[in-house]
């Protein structure tokens, strides 16, 4: 399996390597894994045919704590550079600045590998032939979230890993996925009470909000193209 540990300033990602073996792997065309991407919980997985099987992957503190720390170090280095006019000292600090930038990008990549592997493991365990995720576009996700998480990169990793097992990745319209009731289908503003709570105003169904959204994504047939053209910000 995969695990993540944070020890002071160090982050340890344990990723077990799996050699793809499709022999004996029977995927069910009727089973869809829905994945809701977010900040509080990077990925929440559920199935279209069960309200009990689910998995939350990662924690916002894993990502934001480390990335914020690296960004703060980089900002401090940039301030120091303002007082150094030139010479060897400036070149040395410029190299250190590049190191912080590379360190941040490498951490994002490693963490996205961790999240995507766990998504695939969940789909395989439940014999899901399809993985549904929300199509990314400028309307579906606000810039604040895009700046804090490389969603498109994560989706690319999921696609690559899924293909090795014959799992098909599809994208659905993100509109109303968080406000629809996954139990009765009722939509109404304000049903997502908070970041973590959902309560249907029609049937009274209560659930974790990310779980409810992931089930709506799993059950959706409103397929869209994943529009990466609007998302240059996440590749920076």
Protein backbone atom coordinates (compact mmCIF):
# COMPACT_ATOMS: atom_id res chain seq x y z
CA UNK A 1 0.00 0.00 0.00
CA UNK A 2 0.89 3.69 0.14
CA UNK A 3 1.34 5.91 3.15
CA UNK A 4 2.40 9.42 4.03
CA UNK A 5 4.22 10.60 7.15
CA UNK A 6 5.12 14.12 8.25
CA UNK A 7 7.93 14.40 10.79
CA UNK A 8 8.80 17.99 11.59
CA UNK A 9 10.24 19.48 8.41
CA UNK A 10 10.44 16.13 6.65
CA UNK A 11 7.75 14.47 4.61
CA UNK A 12 8.02 10.76 3.84
CA UNK A 13 5.95 9.23 1.06
CA UNK A 14 5.96 5.44 0.96
CA UNK A 15 4.86 4.28 -2.49
CA UNK A 16 4.71 0.58 -3.22
CA UNK A 17 5.51 -0.22 -6.84
CA UNK A 18 2.90 -2.32 -8.61
CA UNK A 19 3.71 -4.10 -11.85
CA UNK A 20 0.54 -3.99 -13.97
CA UNK A 21 -0.94 -7.47 -14.38
CA UNK A 22 -4.29 -7.58 -16.14
CA UNK A 23 -4.45 -11.37 -16.06
CA UNK A 24 -7.42 -12.34 -13.92
CA UNK A 25 -8.50 -8.72 -13.47
CA UNK A 26 -12.18 -8.63 -14.36
CA UNK A 27 -13.59 -5.13 -14.46
CA UNK A 28 -17.35 -4.61 -14.34
CA UNK A 29 -18.85 -2.33 -17.01
CA UNK A 30 -21.61 -1.39 -14.58
CA UNK A 31 -19.32 -0.13 -11.81
CA UNK A 32 -18.10 3.48 -11.85
CA UNK A 33 -15.70 5.07 -9.38
CA UNK A 34 -16.46 8.75 -8.79
CA UNK A 35 -13.63 11.00 -7.60
CA UNK A 36 -14.26 14.37 -5.98
CA UNK A 37 -11.14 16.56 -5.89
CA UNK A 38 -10.76 19.19 -3.20
CA UNK A 39 -8.48 20.93 -0.76
CA UNK A 40 -9.74 19.64 2.62
CA UNK A 41 -9.62 16.09 1.24
CA UNK A 42 -7.50 15.92 -1.95
CA UNK A 43 -9.54 13.01 -3.35
CA UNK A 44 -12.74 11.33 -2.16
CA UNK A 45 -13.76 8.12 -3.93
CA UNK A 46 -17.08 6.33 -4.03
CA UNK A 47 -19.08 4.04 -6.30
CA UNK A 48 -22.22 4.51 -8.39
CA UNK A 49 -23.77 1.29 -7.04
CA UNK A 50 -23.07 1.55 -3.30
CA UNK A 51 -23.63 4.15 -0.60
CA UNK A 52 -21.35 2.35 1.85
CA UNK A 53 -18.09 1.79 -0.02
CA UNK A 54 -15.91 4.91 0.05
CA UNK A 55 -12.38 6.15 0.60
CA UNK A 56 -10.89 9.54 1.45
CA UNK A 57 -7.33 10.03 0.26
CA UNK A 58 -4.88 12.50 1.76
CA UNK A 59 -5.30 15.58 3.91
CA UNK A 60 -4.93 19.27 3.14
CA UNK A 61 -2.25 19.60 5.83
CA UNK A 62 -0.01 17.12 3.98
CA UNK A 63 0.08 19.35 0.95
CA UNK A 64 -0.43 22.89 2.19
CA UNK A 65 1.89 22.63 5.21
CA UNK A 66 4.88 21.53 3.16
CA UNK A 67 4.17 23.73 0.14
CA UNK A 68 3.59 26.82 2.32
CA UNK A 69 6.85 26.16 4.15
CA UNK A 70 8.77 25.95 0.85
CA UNK A 71 7.08 29.11 -0.48
CA UNK A 72 7.95 31.03 2.71
CA UNK A 73 11.59 29.98 2.40
CA UNK A 74 11.59 31.15 -1.20
CA UNK A 75 10.09 34.53 -0.26
CA UNK A 76 12.73 35.02 2.44
CA UNK A 77 15.44 34.28 -0.10
CA UNK A 78 13.91 36.77 -2.55
CA UNK A 79 13.99 39.48 0.14
CA UNK A 80 17.67 38.79 0.84
CA UNK A 81 18.45 39.08 -2.85
CA UNK A 82 17.16 42.67 -2.85
CA UNK A 83 20.10 43.73 -0.70
CA UNK A 84 22.78 41.93 -2.71
CA UNK A 85 23.85 43.84 -5.79
CA UNK A 86 25.98 41.25 -7.53
CA UNK A 87 28.91 38.90 -7.37
CA UNK A 88 29.33 35.36 -6.12
CA UNK A 89 26.98 35.82 -3.17
CA UNK A 90 24.08 36.81 -5.42
CA UNK A 91 24.68 33.93 -7.82
CA UNK A 92 24.77 31.51 -4.91
CA UNK A 93 21.42 32.75 -3.59
CA UNK A 94 19.88 32.68 -7.08
CA UNK A 95 20.81 29.00 -7.28
CA UNK A 96 19.25 28.46 -3.86
CA UNK A 97 16.06 30.17 -5.12
CA UNK A 98 15.94 27.77 -8.07
CA UNK A 99 16.38 24.91 -5.62
CA UNK A 100 13.27 25.96 -3.65
CA UNK A 101 11.26 26.18 -6.89
CA UNK A 102 12.39 22.69 -7.99
CA UNK A 103 11.77 21.33 -4.49
CA UNK A 104 8.18 22.58 -4.58
CA UNK A 105 7.48 21.17 -8.05
CA UNK A 106 9.00 17.80 -7.12
CA UNK A 107 6.89 17.59 -3.99
CA UNK A 108 3.71 18.33 -5.95
CA UNK A 109 4.57 15.60 -8.47
CA UNK A 110 5.38 13.05 -5.77
CA UNK A 111 2.21 13.80 -3.83
CA UNK A 112 0.09 13.59 -6.99
CA UNK A 113 1.60 10.15 -7.66
CA UNK A 114 0.60 9.15 -4.13
CA UNK A 115 -3.01 10.35 -4.59
CA UNK A 116 -3.43 8.89 -8.09
CA UNK A 117 -2.08 5.47 -7.05
CA UNK A 118 -4.60 5.28 -4.23
CA UNK A 119 -7.44 6.22 -6.59
CA UNK A 120 -6.46 3.41 -8.97
CA UNK A 121 -6.12 0.94 -6.08
CA UNK A 122 -9.68 1.79 -4.97
CA UNK A 123 -11.05 1.33 -8.51
CA UNK A 124 -9.26 -2.01 -8.98
CA UNK A 125 -10.35 -3.32 -5.57
CA UNK A 126 -13.98 -2.60 -6.50
CA UNK A 127 -13.62 -3.83 -10.13
CA UNK A 128 -14.66 -0.45 -11.56
CA UNK A 129 -14.36 -0.26 -15.33
CA UNK A 130 -14.69 3.56 -15.27
CA UNK A 131 -13.35 6.42 -13.22
CA UNK A 132 -15.38 9.63 -13.39
CA UNK A 133 -13.86 12.99 -12.46
CA UNK A 134 -15.08 16.54 -12.87
CA UNK A 135 -14.00 18.27 -16.06
CA UNK A 136 -11.70 21.15 -15.16
CA UNK A 137 -12.59 24.58 -16.48
CA UNK A 138 -12.40 28.17 -15.34
CA UNK A 139 -16.03 28.10 -14.17
CA UNK A 140 -15.87 24.83 -12.26
CA UNK A 141 -12.90 25.68 -10.05
CA UNK A 142 -11.96 29.09 -8.70
CA UNK A 143 -8.45 30.48 -9.07
CA UNK A 144 -7.68 30.21 -5.37
CA UNK A 145 -8.03 26.43 -5.52
CA UNK A 146 -6.13 26.20 -8.81
CA UNK A 147 -3.20 28.05 -7.28
CA UNK A 148 -3.05 25.59 -4.41
CA UNK A 149 -3.37 22.27 -6.16
CA UNK A 150 -2.22 20.89 -9.52
CA UNK A 151 -5.49 19.16 -10.36
CA UNK A 152 -4.80 18.75 -14.04
CA UNK A 153 -1.46 17.06 -13.35
CA UNK A 154 -3.19 14.74 -10.87
CA UNK A 155 -5.80 13.82 -13.48
CA UNK A 156 -3.06 13.09 -16.01
CA UNK A 157 -1.43 10.69 -13.55
CA UNK A 158 -4.77 8.97 -12.93
CA UNK A 159 -5.31 8.60 -16.70
CA UNK A 160 -1.83 7.10 -17.21
CA UNK A 161 -2.16 4.59 -14.37
CA UNK A 162 -5.76 3.68 -15.28
CA UNK A 163 -4.80 2.88 -18.86
CA UNK A 164 -2.34 0.24 -17.64
CA UNK A 165 -5.23 -1.72 -16.13
CA UNK A 166 -7.81 -1.14 -18.84
CA UNK A 167 -9.78 1.35 -16.75
CA UNK A 168 -11.36 4.21 -18.70
CA UNK A 169 -11.28 7.75 -17.30
CA UNK A 170 -14.22 10.01 -18.13
CA UNK A 171 -14.98 13.63 -17.26
CA UNK A 172 -18.35 14.98 -16.21
CA UNK A 173 -19.92 18.42 -15.93
CA UNK A 174 -19.04 19.81 -12.46
CA UNK A 175 -22.22 21.93 -12.33
CA UNK A 176 -24.30 21.17 -9.20
CA UNK A 177 -22.26 18.09 -8.17
CA UNK A 178 -21.87 19.51 -4.67
CA UNK A 179 -25.50 20.69 -4.26
CA UNK A 180 -27.34 17.67 -5.71
CA UNK A 181 -28.60 14.95 -3.39
CA UNK A 182 -26.93 11.70 -4.44
CA UNK A 183 -29.77 9.76 -2.80
CA UNK A 184 -32.93 11.27 -4.37
CA UNK A 185 -31.47 13.65 -6.99
CA UNK A 186 -33.01 16.82 -5.50
CA UNK A 187 -31.14 20.07 -6.18
CA UNK A 188 -31.45 23.18 -4.07
CA UNK A 189 -29.07 25.94 -3.01
CA UNK A 190 -27.70 25.57 0.50
CA UNK A 191 -27.90 21.78 0.78
CA UNK A 192 -24.14 21.67 1.27
CA UNK A 193 -24.26 23.10 4.76
CA UNK A 194 -20.49 23.34 5.22
CA UNK A 195 -17.21 22.05 3.80
CA UNK A 196 -17.94 18.62 5.26
CA UNK A 197 -21.74 18.45 5.72
CA UNK A 198 -24.56 17.80 3.24
CA UNK A 199 -28.27 17.59 4.06
CA UNK A 200 -31.01 17.22 1.46
CA UNK A 201 -33.93 19.62 1.91
CA UNK A 202 -36.26 17.18 0.19
CA UNK A 203 -35.61 13.67 1.53
CA UNK A 204 -33.51 14.62 4.57
CA UNK A 205 -30.51 12.53 3.48
CA UNK A 206 -27.36 13.48 5.42
CA UNK A 207 -23.81 12.61 4.41
CA UNK A 208 -20.25 13.82 4.23
CA UNK A 209 -20.33 16.54 1.56
CA UNK A 210 -17.32 15.22 -0.35
CA UNK A 211 -18.77 11.70 -0.35
CA UNK A 212 -22.09 13.04 -1.66
CA UNK A 213 -20.29 14.95 -4.43
CA UNK A 214 -18.19 11.93 -5.41
CA UNK A 215 -21.33 9.78 -5.73
CA UNK A 216 -22.96 12.40 -7.94
CA UNK A 217 -19.83 12.33 -10.10
CA UNK A 218 -19.92 8.50 -10.20
CA UNK A 219 -23.59 8.49 -11.26
CA UNK A 220 -23.36 11.36 -13.77
CA UNK A 221 -23.70 10.77 -17.50
CA UNK A 222 -23.14 14.43 -18.45
CA UNK A 223 -19.77 13.84 -20.04
CA UNK A 224 -17.55 16.76 -21.07
CA UNK A 225 -14.11 17.37 -22.47
CA UNK A 226 -11.46 18.13 -19.87
CA UNK A 227 -10.44 21.65 -20.85
CA UNK A 228 -6.77 22.16 -19.95
CA UNK A 229 -6.50 25.32 -22.08
CA UNK A 230 -8.00 27.39 -19.26
CA UNK A 231 -5.59 25.97 -16.72
CA UNK A 232 -2.12 27.26 -17.53
CA UNK A 233 -1.88 28.53 -13.95
CA UNK A 234 -1.56 25.02 -12.50
CA UNK A 235 1.49 24.16 -14.58
CA UNK A 236 3.47 27.05 -13.12
